PDB file of N, CA and C in Angstrom:
ATOM      1  N   MET A   1     -44.393 -91.450  78.999  1.00  0.00           N
ATOM      2  CA  MET A   1     -44.572 -91.053  77.626  1.00  0.00           C
ATOM      3  C   MET A   1     -46.059 -90.893  77.295  1.00  0.00           C
ATOM      4  N   GLU A   2     -46.836 -91.817  77.730  1.00  0.00           N
ATOM      5  CA  GLU A   2     -48.272 -91.763  77.387  1.00  0.00           C
ATOM      6  C   GLU A   2     -48.948 -90.507  77.909  1.00  0.00           C
ATOM      7  N   ARG A   3     -48.527 -90.047  79.096  1.00  0.00           N
ATOM      8  CA  ARG A   3     -49.112 -88.785  79.638  1.00  0.00           C
ATOM      9  C   ARG A   3     -48.750 -87.589  78.744  1.00  0.00           C
ATOM     10  N   LEU A   4     -47.565 -87.606  78.228  1.00  0.00           N
ATOM     11  CA  LEU A   4     -47.161 -86.488  77.356  1.00  0.00           C
ATOM     12  C   LEU A   4     -48.042 -86.466  76.086  1.00  0.00           C
ATOM     13  N   LEU A   5     -48.286 -87.637  75.559  1.00  0.00           N
ATOM     14  CA  LEU A   5     -49.033 -87.726  74.293  1.00  0.00           C
ATOM     15  C   LEU A   5     -50.547 -87.658  74.499  1.00  0.00           C
ATOM     16  N   SER A   6     -50.972 -87.703  75.751  1.00  0.00           N
ATOM     17  CA  SER A   6     -52.421 -87.620  75.998  1.00  0.00           C
ATOM     18  C   SER A   6     -52.711 -86.355  76.798  1.00  0.00           C
ATOM     19  N   GLU A   7     -52.501 -86.399  78.092  1.00  0.00           N
ATOM     20  CA  GLU A   7     -52.889 -85.280  78.964  1.00  0.00           C
ATOM     21  C   GLU A   7     -52.154 -83.966  78.608  1.00  0.00           C
ATOM     22  N   VAL A   8     -50.841 -84.028  78.530  1.00  0.00           N
ATOM     23  CA  VAL A   8     -50.057 -82.812  78.292  1.00  0.00           C
ATOM     24  C   VAL A   8     -50.351 -82.257  76.888  1.00  0.00           C
ATOM     25  N   SER A   9     -50.560 -83.138  75.932  1.00  0.00           N
ATOM     26  CA  SER A   9     -50.791 -82.690  74.564  1.00  0.00           C
ATOM     27  C   SER A   9     -52.079 -81.912  74.402  1.00  0.00           C
ATOM     28  N   GLU A  10     -52.986 -82.061  75.343  1.00  0.00           N
ATOM     29  CA  GLU A  10     -54.285 -81.337  75.275  1.00  0.00           C
ATOM     30  C   GLU A  10     -54.213 -79.936  75.858  1.00  0.00           C
ATOM     31  N   VAL A  11     -53.143 -79.615  76.527  1.00  0.00           N
ATOM     32  CA  VAL A  11     -52.963 -78.258  77.101  1.00  0.00           C
ATOM     33  C   VAL A  11     -52.677 -77.295  75.939  1.00  0.00           C
ATOM     34  N   ARG A  12     -53.459 -76.247  75.873  1.00  0.00           N
ATOM     35  CA  ARG A  12     -53.332 -75.315  74.752  1.00  0.00           C
ATOM     36  C   ARG A  12     -52.461 -74.072  75.111  1.00  0.00           C
ATOM     37  N   GLN A  13     -51.811 -74.119  76.187  1.00  0.00           N
ATOM     38  CA  GLN A  13     -50.934 -73.012  76.576  1.00  0.00           C
ATOM     39  C   GLN A  13     -49.677 -73.077  75.735  1.00  0.00           C
ATOM     40  N   PRO A  14     -49.322 -71.968  75.078  1.00  0.00           N
ATOM     41  CA  PRO A  14     -48.152 -72.004  74.192  1.00  0.00           C
ATOM     42  C   PRO A  14     -46.870 -72.505  74.851  1.00  0.00           C
ATOM     43  N   SER A  15     -46.584 -72.100  76.070  1.00  0.00           N
ATOM     44  CA  SER A  15     -45.331 -72.563  76.682  1.00  0.00           C
ATOM     45  C   SER A  15     -45.309 -74.085  76.859  1.00  0.00           C
ATOM     46  N   VAL A  16     -46.434 -74.692  77.118  1.00  0.00           N
ATOM     47  CA  VAL A  16     -46.531 -76.147  77.216  1.00  0.00           C
ATOM     48  C   VAL A  16     -46.335 -76.763  75.855  1.00  0.00           C
ATOM     49  N   GLN A  17     -46.943 -76.160  74.817  1.00  0.00           N
ATOM     50  CA  GLN A  17     -46.870 -76.704  73.457  1.00  0.00           C
ATOM     51  C   GLN A  17     -45.439 -76.674  72.973  1.00  0.00           C
ATOM     52  N   TRP A  18     -44.706 -75.570  73.181  1.00  0.00           N
ATOM     53  CA  TRP A  18     -43.355 -75.529  72.615  1.00  0.00           C
ATOM     54  C   TRP A  18     -42.409 -76.394  73.434  1.00  0.00           C
ATOM     55  N   HIS A  19     -42.610 -76.493  74.740  1.00  0.00           N
ATOM     56  CA  HIS A  19     -41.778 -77.409  75.496  1.00  0.00           C
ATOM     57  C   HIS A  19     -42.049 -78.868  75.138  1.00  0.00           C
ATOM     58  N   LEU A  20     -43.286 -79.181  74.890  1.00  0.00           N
ATOM     59  CA  LEU A  20     -43.618 -80.536  74.457  1.00  0.00           C
ATOM     60  C   LEU A  20     -42.985 -80.840  73.122  1.00  0.00           C
ATOM     61  N   ALA A  21     -43.005 -79.909  72.205  1.00  0.00           N
ATOM     62  CA  ALA A  21     -42.322 -80.117  70.910  1.00  0.00           C
ATOM     63  C   ALA A  21     -40.848 -80.410  71.128  1.00  0.00           C
ATOM     64  N   GLN A  22     -40.223 -79.649  71.994  1.00  0.00           N
ATOM     65  CA  GLN A  22     -38.783 -79.887  72.277  1.00  0.00           C
ATOM     66  C   GLN A  22     -38.572 -81.269  72.845  1.00  0.00           C
ATOM     67  N   MET A  23     -39.382 -81.658  73.819  1.00  0.00           N
ATOM     68  CA  MET A  23     -39.229 -82.959  74.452  1.00  0.00           C
ATOM     69  C   MET A  23     -39.434 -84.101  73.469  1.00  0.00           C
ATOM     70  N   LEU A  24     -40.467 -83.985  72.650  1.00  0.00           N
ATOM     71  CA  LEU A  24     -40.784 -85.075  71.707  1.00  0.00           C
ATOM     72  C   LEU A  24     -39.611 -85.311  70.750  1.00  0.00           C
ATOM     73  N   GLY A  25     -38.869 -84.301  70.433  1.00  0.00           N
ATOM     74  CA  GLY A  25     -37.751 -84.437  69.552  1.00  0.00           C
ATOM     75  C   GLY A  25     -36.529 -85.148  70.199  1.00  0.00           C
ATOM     76  N   GLN A  26     -36.575 -85.278  71.508  1.00  0.00           N
ATOM     77  CA  GLN A  26     -35.415 -85.833  72.232  1.00  0.00           C
ATOM     78  C   GLN A  26     -35.706 -87.240  72.814  1.00  0.00           C
ATOM     79  N   LEU A  27     -36.920 -87.692  72.687  1.00  0.00           N
ATOM     80  CA  LEU A  27     -37.293 -88.977  73.321  1.00  0.00           C
ATOM     81  C   LEU A  27     -37.291 -90.123  72.319  1.00  0.00           C
ATOM     82  N   ALA A  28     -36.995 -91.291  72.826  1.00  0.00           N
ATOM     83  CA  ALA A  28     -37.108 -92.511  72.005  1.00  0.00           C
ATOM     84  C   ALA A  28     -38.579 -92.895  71.964  1.00  0.00           C
ATOM     85  N   LEU A  29     -39.149 -92.875  70.785  1.00  0.00           N
ATOM     86  CA  LEU A  29     -40.594 -93.154  70.641  1.00  0.00           C
ATOM     87  C   LEU A  29     -40.773 -94.444  69.835  1.00  0.00           C
ATOM     88  N   SER A  30     -41.794 -95.169  70.221  1.00  0.00           N
ATOM     89  CA  SER A  30     -42.178 -96.354  69.414  1.00  0.00           C
ATOM     90  C   SER A  30     -42.804 -95.829  68.122  1.00  0.00           C
ATOM     91  N   PRO A  31     -42.938 -96.656  67.118  1.00  0.00           N
ATOM     92  CA  PRO A  31     -43.565 -96.199  65.877  1.00  0.00           C
ATOM     93  C   PRO A  31     -44.981 -95.611  66.133  1.00  0.00           C
ATOM     94  N   ARG A  32     -45.732 -96.220  67.018  1.00  0.00           N
ATOM     95  CA  ARG A  32     -47.062 -95.740  67.329  1.00  0.00           C
ATOM     96  C   ARG A  32     -47.008 -94.383  68.025  1.00  0.00           C
ATOM     97  N   GLN A  33     -46.121 -94.247  68.964  1.00  0.00           N
ATOM     98  CA  GLN A  33     -45.964 -92.963  69.675  1.00  0.00           C
ATOM     99  C   GLN A  33     -45.455 -91.886  68.725  1.00  0.00           C
ATOM    100  N   ARG A  34     -44.585 -92.243  67.832  1.00  0.00           N
ATOM    101  CA  ARG A  34     -44.058 -91.283  66.888  1.00  0.00           C
ATOM    102  C   ARG A  34     -45.195 -90.780  65.978  1.00  0.00           C
ATOM    103  N   ALA A  35     -46.025 -91.666  65.544  1.00  0.00           N
ATOM    104  CA  ALA A  35     -47.162 -91.282  64.700  1.00  0.00           C
ATOM    105  C   ALA A  35     -48.104 -90.328  65.454  1.00  0.00           C
ATOM    106  N   ARG A  36     -48.357 -90.633  66.735  1.00  0.00           N
ATOM    107  CA  ARG A  36     -49.197 -89.739  67.574  1.00  0.00           C
ATOM    108  C   ARG A  36     -48.530 -88.387  67.729  1.00  0.00           C
ATOM    109  N   ALA A  37     -47.214 -88.403  67.953  1.00  0.00           N
ATOM    110  CA  ALA A  37     -46.496 -87.160  68.148  1.00  0.00           C
ATOM    111  C   ALA A  37     -46.564 -86.294  66.865  1.00  0.00           C
ATOM    112  N   ILE A  38     -46.416 -86.912  65.732  1.00  0.00           N
ATOM    113  CA  ILE A  38     -46.501 -86.181  64.467  1.00  0.00           C
ATOM    114  C   ILE A  38     -47.872 -85.584  64.270  1.00  0.00           C
ATOM    115  N   ARG A  39     -48.921 -86.322  64.557  1.00  0.00           N
ATOM    116  CA  ARG A  39     -50.286 -85.789  64.461  1.00  0.00           C
ATOM    117  C   ARG A  39     -50.445 -84.588  65.402  1.00  0.00           C
ATOM    118  N   LEU A  40     -49.973 -84.721  66.610  1.00  0.00           N
ATOM    119  CA  LEU A  40     -50.054 -83.654  67.586  1.00  0.00           C
ATOM    120  C   LEU A  40     -49.310 -82.411  67.086  1.00  0.00           C
ATOM    121  N   LEU A  41     -48.078 -82.592  66.619  1.00  0.00           N
ATOM    122  CA  LEU A  41     -47.285 -81.462  66.146  1.00  0.00           C
ATOM    123  C   LEU A  41     -47.959 -80.793  64.961  1.00  0.00           C
ATOM    124  N   LYS A  42     -48.491 -81.550  64.026  1.00  0.00           N
ATOM    125  CA  LYS A  42     -49.195 -80.955  62.890  1.00  0.00           C
ATOM    126  C   LYS A  42     -50.415 -80.176  63.347  1.00  0.00           C
ATOM    127  N   ARG A  43     -51.136 -80.746  64.312  1.00  0.00           N
ATOM    128  CA  ARG A  43     -52.292 -80.026  64.868  1.00  0.00           C
ATOM    129  C   ARG A  43     -51.847 -78.689  65.464  1.00  0.00           C
ATOM    130  N   ASN A  44     -50.790 -78.707  66.225  1.00  0.00           N
ATOM    131  CA  ASN A  44     -50.302 -77.465  66.815  1.00  0.00           C
ATOM    132  C   ASN A  44     -49.894 -76.440  65.748  1.00  0.00           C
ATOM    133  N   LEU A  45     -49.284 -76.911  64.684  1.00  0.00           N
ATOM    134  CA  LEU A  45     -48.958 -76.003  63.556  1.00  0.00           C
ATOM    135  C   LEU A  45     -50.242 -75.375  62.972  1.00  0.00           C
ATOM    136  N   ASP A  46     -51.234 -76.201  62.793  1.00  0.00           N
ATOM    137  CA  ASP A  46     -52.476 -75.724  62.220  1.00  0.00           C
ATOM    138  C   ASP A  46     -53.263 -74.795  63.108  1.00  0.00           C
ATOM    139  N   GLU A  47     -53.169 -74.978  64.421  1.00  0.00           N
ATOM    140  CA  GLU A  47     -53.997 -74.230  65.335  1.00  0.00           C
ATOM    141  C   GLU A  47     -53.327 -73.093  66.102  1.00  0.00           C
ATOM    142  N   SER A  48     -52.037 -73.188  66.297  1.00  0.00           N
ATOM    143  CA  SER A  48     -51.361 -72.214  67.133  1.00  0.00           C
ATOM    144  C   SER A  48     -51.006 -70.955  66.337  1.00  0.00           C
ATOM    145  N   THR A  49     -51.076 -69.808  66.989  1.00  0.00           N
ATOM    146  CA  THR A  49     -50.620 -68.571  66.404  1.00  0.00           C
ATOM    147  C   THR A  49     -49.342 -68.076  67.058  1.00  0.00           C
ATOM    148  N   ASP A  50     -48.804 -68.826  67.986  1.00  0.00           N
ATOM    149  CA  ASP A  50     -47.625 -68.470  68.716  1.00  0.00           C
ATOM    150  C   ASP A  50     -46.390 -68.739  67.895  1.00  0.00           C
ATOM    151  N   TRP A  51     -45.533 -67.779  67.710  1.00  0.00           N
ATOM    152  CA  TRP A  51     -44.333 -67.965  66.876  1.00  0.00           C
ATOM    153  C   TRP A  51     -43.346 -68.933  67.464  1.00  0.00           C
ATOM    154  N   ILE A  52     -43.277 -68.998  68.789  1.00  0.00           N
ATOM    155  CA  ILE A  52     -42.308 -69.951  69.406  1.00  0.00           C
ATOM    156  C   ILE A  52     -42.831 -71.388  69.220  1.00  0.00           C
ATOM    157  N   VAL A  53     -44.120 -71.590  69.380  1.00  0.00           N
ATOM    158  CA  VAL A  53     -44.699 -72.912  69.140  1.00  0.00           C
ATOM    159  C   VAL A  53     -44.395 -73.338  67.699  1.00  0.00           C
ATOM    160  N   THR A  54     -44.626 -72.449  66.787  1.00  0.00           N
ATOM    161  CA  THR A  54     -44.397 -72.748  65.359  1.00  0.00           C
ATOM    162  C   THR A  54     -42.934 -73.113  65.109  1.00  0.00           C
ATOM    163  N   ASN A  55     -42.030 -72.345  65.616  1.00  0.00           N
ATOM    164  CA  ASN A  55     -40.600 -72.570  65.386  1.00  0.00           C
ATOM    165  C   ASN A  55     -40.156 -73.924  65.968  1.00  0.00           C
ATOM    166  N   TYR A  56     -40.491 -74.184  67.222  1.00  0.00           N
ATOM    167  CA  TYR A  56     -40.028 -75.465  67.793  1.00  0.00           C
ATOM    168  C   TYR A  56     -40.753 -76.653  67.177  1.00  0.00           C
ATOM    169  N   THR A  57     -41.979 -76.482  66.779  1.00  0.00           N
ATOM    170  CA  THR A  57     -42.722 -77.558  66.143  1.00  0.00           C
ATOM    171  C   THR A  57     -42.116 -77.879  64.791  1.00  0.00           C
ATOM    172  N   LEU A  58     -41.800 -76.868  64.039  1.00  0.00           N
ATOM    173  CA  LEU A  58     -41.155 -77.108  62.719  1.00  0.00           C
ATOM    174  C   LEU A  58     -39.811 -77.827  62.916  1.00  0.00           C
ATOM    175  N   GLU A  59     -39.044 -77.411  63.881  1.00  0.00           N
ATOM    176  CA  GLU A  59     -37.749 -78.037  64.142  1.00  0.00           C
ATOM    177  C   GLU A  59     -37.912 -79.504  64.487  1.00  0.00           C
ATOM    178  N   THR A  60     -38.845 -79.815  65.367  1.00  0.00           N
ATOM    179  CA  THR A  60     -39.056 -81.214  65.739  1.00  0.00           C
ATOM    180  C   THR A  60     -39.577 -82.036  64.588  1.00  0.00           C
ATOM    181  N   LEU A  61     -40.526 -81.506  63.843  1.00  0.00           N
ATOM    182  CA  LEU A  61     -41.029 -82.243  62.665  1.00  0.00           C
ATOM    183  C   LEU A  61     -39.900 -82.490  61.662  1.00  0.00           C
ATOM    184  N   ALA A  62     -38.994 -81.534  61.532  1.00  0.00           N
ATOM    185  CA  ALA A  62     -37.847 -81.728  60.629  1.00  0.00           C
ATOM    186  C   ALA A  62     -36.951 -82.859  61.111  1.00  0.00           C
ATOM    187  N   MET A  63     -36.807 -82.979  62.403  1.00  0.00           N
ATOM    188  CA  MET A  63     -36.027 -84.087  62.954  1.00  0.00           C
ATOM    189  C   MET A  63     -36.662 -85.423  62.602  1.00  0.00           C
ATOM    190  N   PHE A  64     -37.986 -85.528  62.780  1.00  0.00           N
ATOM    191  CA  PHE A  64     -38.694 -86.732  62.433  1.00  0.00           C
ATOM    192  C   PHE A  64     -38.646 -86.982  60.953  1.00  0.00           C
ATOM    193  N   ALA A  65     -38.737 -85.900  60.155  1.00  0.00           N
ATOM    194  CA  ALA A  65     -38.792 -86.041  58.684  1.00  0.00           C
ATOM    195  C   ALA A  65     -37.472 -86.490  58.078  1.00  0.00           C
ATOM    196  N   ALA A  66     -36.388 -86.321  58.780  1.00  0.00           N
ATOM    197  CA  ALA A  66     -35.089 -86.737  58.245  1.00  0.00           C
ATOM    198  C   ALA A  66     -35.110 -88.192  57.804  1.00  0.00           C
ATOM    199  N   GLY A  67     -35.830 -89.034  58.493  1.00  0.00           N
ATOM    200  CA  GLY A  67     -35.885 -90.444  58.141  1.00  0.00           C
ATOM    201  C   GLY A  67     -37.203 -90.917  57.607  1.00  0.00           C
ATOM    202  N   ASP A  68     -38.040 -89.950  57.152  1.00  0.00           N
ATOM    203  CA  ASP A  68     -39.388 -90.294  56.718  1.00  0.00           C
ATOM    204  C   ASP A  68     -39.710 -89.468  55.468  1.00  0.00           C
ATOM    205  N   ARG A  69     -39.593 -90.086  54.314  1.00  0.00           N
ATOM    206  CA  ARG A  69     -39.798 -89.383  53.040  1.00  0.00           C
ATOM    207  C   ARG A  69     -41.198 -88.779  52.908  1.00  0.00           C
ATOM    208  N   VAL A  70     -42.214 -89.486  53.356  1.00  0.00           N
ATOM    209  CA  VAL A  70     -43.616 -88.958  53.231  1.00  0.00           C
ATOM    210  C   VAL A  70     -43.774 -87.735  54.092  1.00  0.00           C
ATOM    211  N   LEU A  71     -43.320 -87.795  55.327  1.00  0.00           N
ATOM    212  CA  LEU A  71     -43.416 -86.648  56.218  1.00  0.00           C
ATOM    213  C   LEU A  71     -42.578 -85.508  55.670  1.00  0.00           C
ATOM    214  N   ARG A  72     -41.417 -85.805  55.124  1.00  0.00           N
ATOM    215  CA  ARG A  72     -40.536 -84.782  54.570  1.00  0.00           C
ATOM    216  C   ARG A  72     -41.206 -84.022  53.441  1.00  0.00           C
ATOM    217  N   ARG A  73     -41.889 -84.744  52.567  1.00  0.00           N
ATOM    218  CA  ARG A  73     -42.588 -84.063  51.466  1.00  0.00           C
ATOM    219  C   ARG A  73     -43.700 -83.119  51.986  1.00  0.00           C
ATOM    220  N   ASP A  74     -44.435 -83.606  52.987  1.00  0.00           N
ATOM    221  CA  ASP A  74     -45.462 -82.763  53.586  1.00  0.00           C
ATOM    222  C   ASP A  74     -44.837 -81.549  54.254  1.00  0.00           C
ATOM    223  N   LEU A  75     -43.777 -81.772  55.014  1.00  0.00           N
ATOM    224  CA  LEU A  75     -43.162 -80.673  55.735  1.00  0.00           C
ATOM    225  C   LEU A  75     -42.524 -79.679  54.764  1.00  0.00           C
ATOM    226  N   ILE A  76     -41.920 -80.124  53.692  1.00  0.00           N
ATOM    227  CA  ILE A  76     -41.347 -79.213  52.706  1.00  0.00           C
ATOM    228  C   ILE A  76     -42.433 -78.279  52.171  1.00  0.00           C
ATOM    229  N   GLY A  77     -43.592 -78.816  51.876  1.00  0.00           N
ATOM    230  CA  GLY A  77     -44.707 -77.968  51.430  1.00  0.00           C
ATOM    231  C   GLY A  77     -45.074 -76.906  52.468  1.00  0.00           C
ATOM    232  N   ARG A  78     -45.118 -77.307  53.683  1.00  0.00           N
ATOM    233  CA  ARG A  78     -45.430 -76.365  54.787  1.00  0.00           C
ATOM    234  C   ARG A  78     -44.320 -75.300  54.897  1.00  0.00           C
ATOM    235  N   LEU A  79     -43.053 -75.778  54.840  1.00  0.00           N
ATOM    236  CA  LEU A  79     -41.961 -74.861  54.969  1.00  0.00           C
ATOM    237  C   LEU A  79     -41.923 -73.840  53.829  1.00  0.00           C
ATOM    238  N   GLN A  80     -42.293 -74.256  52.645  1.00  0.00           N
ATOM    239  CA  GLN A  80     -42.318 -73.320  51.540  1.00  0.00           C
ATOM    240  C   GLN A  80     -43.362 -72.210  51.785  1.00  0.00           C
ATOM    241  N   ARG A  81     -44.452 -72.583  52.401  1.00  0.00           N
ATOM    242  CA  ARG A  81     -45.451 -71.549  52.768  1.00  0.00           C
ATOM    243  C   ARG A  81     -44.919 -70.659  53.902  1.00  0.00           C
ATOM    244  N   TYR A  82     -44.304 -71.277  54.887  1.00  0.00           N
ATOM    245  CA  TYR A  82     -43.825 -70.548  56.056  1.00  0.00           C
ATOM    246  C   TYR A  82     -42.685 -69.590  55.688  1.00  0.00           C
ATOM    247  N   ARG A  83     -41.940 -69.862  54.653  1.00  0.00           N
ATOM    248  CA  ARG A  83     -40.813 -68.960  54.362  1.00  0.00           C
ATOM    249  C   ARG A  83     -41.321 -67.617  53.855  1.00  0.00           C
ATOM    250  N   ARG A  84     -42.624 -67.495  53.531  1.00  0.00           N
ATOM    251  CA  ARG A  84     -43.214 -66.233  53.140  1.00  0.00           C
ATOM    252  C   ARG A  84     -43.939 -65.570  54.344  1.00  0.00           C
ATOM    253  N   GLU A  85     -43.779 -66.139  55.511  1.00  0.00           N
ATOM    254  CA  GLU A  85     -44.389 -65.681  56.755  1.00  0.00           C
ATOM    255  C   GLU A  85     -43.914 -64.273  57.116  1.00  0.00           C
ATOM    256  N   LYS A  86     -44.823 -63.438  57.561  1.00  0.00           N
ATOM    257  CA  LYS A  86     -44.471 -62.086  57.962  1.00  0.00           C
ATOM    258  C   LYS A  86     -43.595 -62.060  59.239  1.00  0.00           C
ATOM    259  N   ARG A  87     -43.820 -63.060  60.063  1.00  0.00           N
ATOM    260  CA  ARG A  87     -43.002 -63.145  61.299  1.00  0.00           C
ATOM    261  C   ARG A  87     -41.627 -63.672  60.903  1.00  0.00           C
ATOM    262  N   THR A  88     -40.623 -62.821  61.015  1.00  0.00           N
ATOM    263  CA  THR A  88     -39.287 -63.087  60.487  1.00  0.00           C
ATOM    264  C   THR A  88     -38.660 -64.354  61.044  1.00  0.00           C
ATOM    265  N   SER A  89     -38.841 -64.608  62.328  1.00  0.00           N
ATOM    266  CA  SER A  89     -38.203 -65.792  62.916  1.00  0.00           C
ATOM    267  C   SER A  89     -38.741 -67.074  62.308  1.00  0.00           C
ATOM    268  N   ILE A  90     -40.016 -67.094  61.967  1.00  0.00           N
ATOM    269  CA  ILE A  90     -40.611 -68.294  61.329  1.00  0.00           C
ATOM    270  C   ILE A  90     -40.107 -68.439  59.894  1.00  0.00           C
ATOM    271  N   ALA A  91     -40.050 -67.327  59.174  1.00  0.00           N
ATOM    272  CA  ALA A  91     -39.552 -67.368  57.786  1.00  0.00           C
ATOM    273  C   ALA A  91     -38.107 -67.824  57.745  1.00  0.00           C
ATOM    274  N   LYS A  92     -37.296 -67.314  58.669  1.00  0.00           N
ATOM    275  CA  LYS A  92     -35.877 -67.730  58.715  1.00  0.00           C
ATOM    276  C   LYS A  92     -35.745 -69.194  59.071  1.00  0.00           C
ATOM    277  N   ARG A  93     -36.545 -69.659  60.034  1.00  0.00           N
ATOM    278  CA  ARG A  93     -36.489 -71.062  60.406  1.00  0.00           C
ATOM    279  C   ARG A  93     -36.862 -71.946  59.225  1.00  0.00           C
ATOM    280  N   ALA A  94     -37.928 -71.554  58.509  1.00  0.00           N
ATOM    281  CA  ALA A  94     -38.368 -72.305  57.349  1.00  0.00           C
ATOM    282  C   ALA A  94     -37.219 -72.399  56.319  1.00  0.00           C
ATOM    283  N   GLU A  95     -36.569 -71.293  56.031  1.00  0.00           N
ATOM    284  CA  GLU A  95     -35.455 -71.276  55.084  1.00  0.00           C
ATOM    285  C   GLU A  95     -34.328 -72.185  55.518  1.00  0.00           C
ATOM    286  N   LYS A  96     -34.003 -72.126  56.824  1.00  0.00           N
ATOM    287  CA  LYS A  96     -32.940 -72.961  57.356  1.00  0.00           C
ATOM    288  C   LYS A  96     -33.275 -74.451  57.193  1.00  0.00           C
ATOM    289  N   LEU A  97     -34.498 -74.813  57.517  1.00  0.00           N
ATOM    290  CA  LEU A  97     -34.914 -76.221  57.403  1.00  0.00           C
ATOM    291  C   LEU A  97     -34.960 -76.676  55.963  1.00  0.00           C
ATOM    292  N   LEU A  98     -35.468 -75.802  55.086  1.00  0.00           N
ATOM    293  CA  LEU A  98     -35.463 -76.144  53.662  1.00  0.00           C
ATOM    294  C   LEU A  98     -34.053 -76.358  53.131  1.00  0.00           C
ATOM    295  N   ALA A  99     -33.113 -75.536  53.586  1.00  0.00           N
ATOM    296  CA  ALA A  99     -31.707 -75.735  53.179  1.00  0.00           C
ATOM    297  C   ALA A  99     -31.167 -77.058  53.654  1.00  0.00           C
ATOM    298  N   ARG A 100     -31.574 -77.456  54.875  1.00  0.00           N
ATOM    299  CA  ARG A 100     -31.143 -78.735  55.396  1.00  0.00           C
ATOM    300  C   ARG A 100     -31.673 -79.875  54.520  1.00  0.00           C
ATOM    301  N   PHE A 101     -32.935 -79.790  54.104  1.00  0.00           N
ATOM    302  CA  PHE A 101     -33.499 -80.835  53.258  1.00  0.00           C
ATOM    303  C   PHE A 101     -32.873 -80.832  51.869  1.00  0.00           C
ATOM    304  N   ARG A 102     -32.545 -79.635  51.347  1.00  0.00           N
ATOM    305  CA  ARG A 102     -31.869 -79.564  50.040  1.00  0.00           C
ATOM    306  C   ARG A 102     -30.521 -80.283  50.123  1.00  0.00           C
ATOM    307  N   ALA A 103     -29.823 -80.138  51.229  1.00  0.00           N
ATOM    308  CA  ALA A 103     -28.523 -80.812  51.423  1.00  0.00           C
ATOM    309  C   ALA A 103     -28.695 -82.323  51.430  1.00  0.00           C
ATOM    310  N   LEU A 104     -29.878 -82.796  51.834  1.00  0.00           N
ATOM    311  CA  LEU A 104     -30.134 -84.225  51.808  1.00  0.00           C
ATOM    312  C   LEU A 104     -30.568 -84.704  50.436  1.00  0.00           C
ATOM    313  N   GLY A 105     -30.732 -83.791  49.499  1.00  0.00           N
ATOM    314  CA  GLY A 105     -31.109 -84.169  48.126  1.00  0.00           C
ATOM    315  C   GLY A 105     -32.597 -84.027  47.863  1.00  0.00           C
ATOM    316  N   GLU A 106     -33.320 -83.353  48.718  1.00  0.00           N
ATOM    317  CA  GLU A 106     -34.762 -83.166  48.493  1.00  0.00           C
ATOM    318  C   GLU A 106     -35.007 -81.910  47.704  1.00  0.00           C
TER     319      GLU A 106
END
């Protein structure tokens, strides 16, 4: 786990970034590892221009946000911006995730 959150997380290749996002959403993480993963995923959202990285990162952050009200509020703000994205797949993903949060009462 530590190698994923350190060495692998520093690779800026989009295919590595989106696969890492997928993996992080499936692993049992300690609270400290989860916090590191969230920082990493937010960094990738802020820095990456790859639509696949963005989509998988949003999906994984939404999984983490389901049980974290603070993260959910932050993510909802990001999703509201992304739903106006010119890249259709990102806009649709943002709408889908926002609908999921609305169903939770957010």
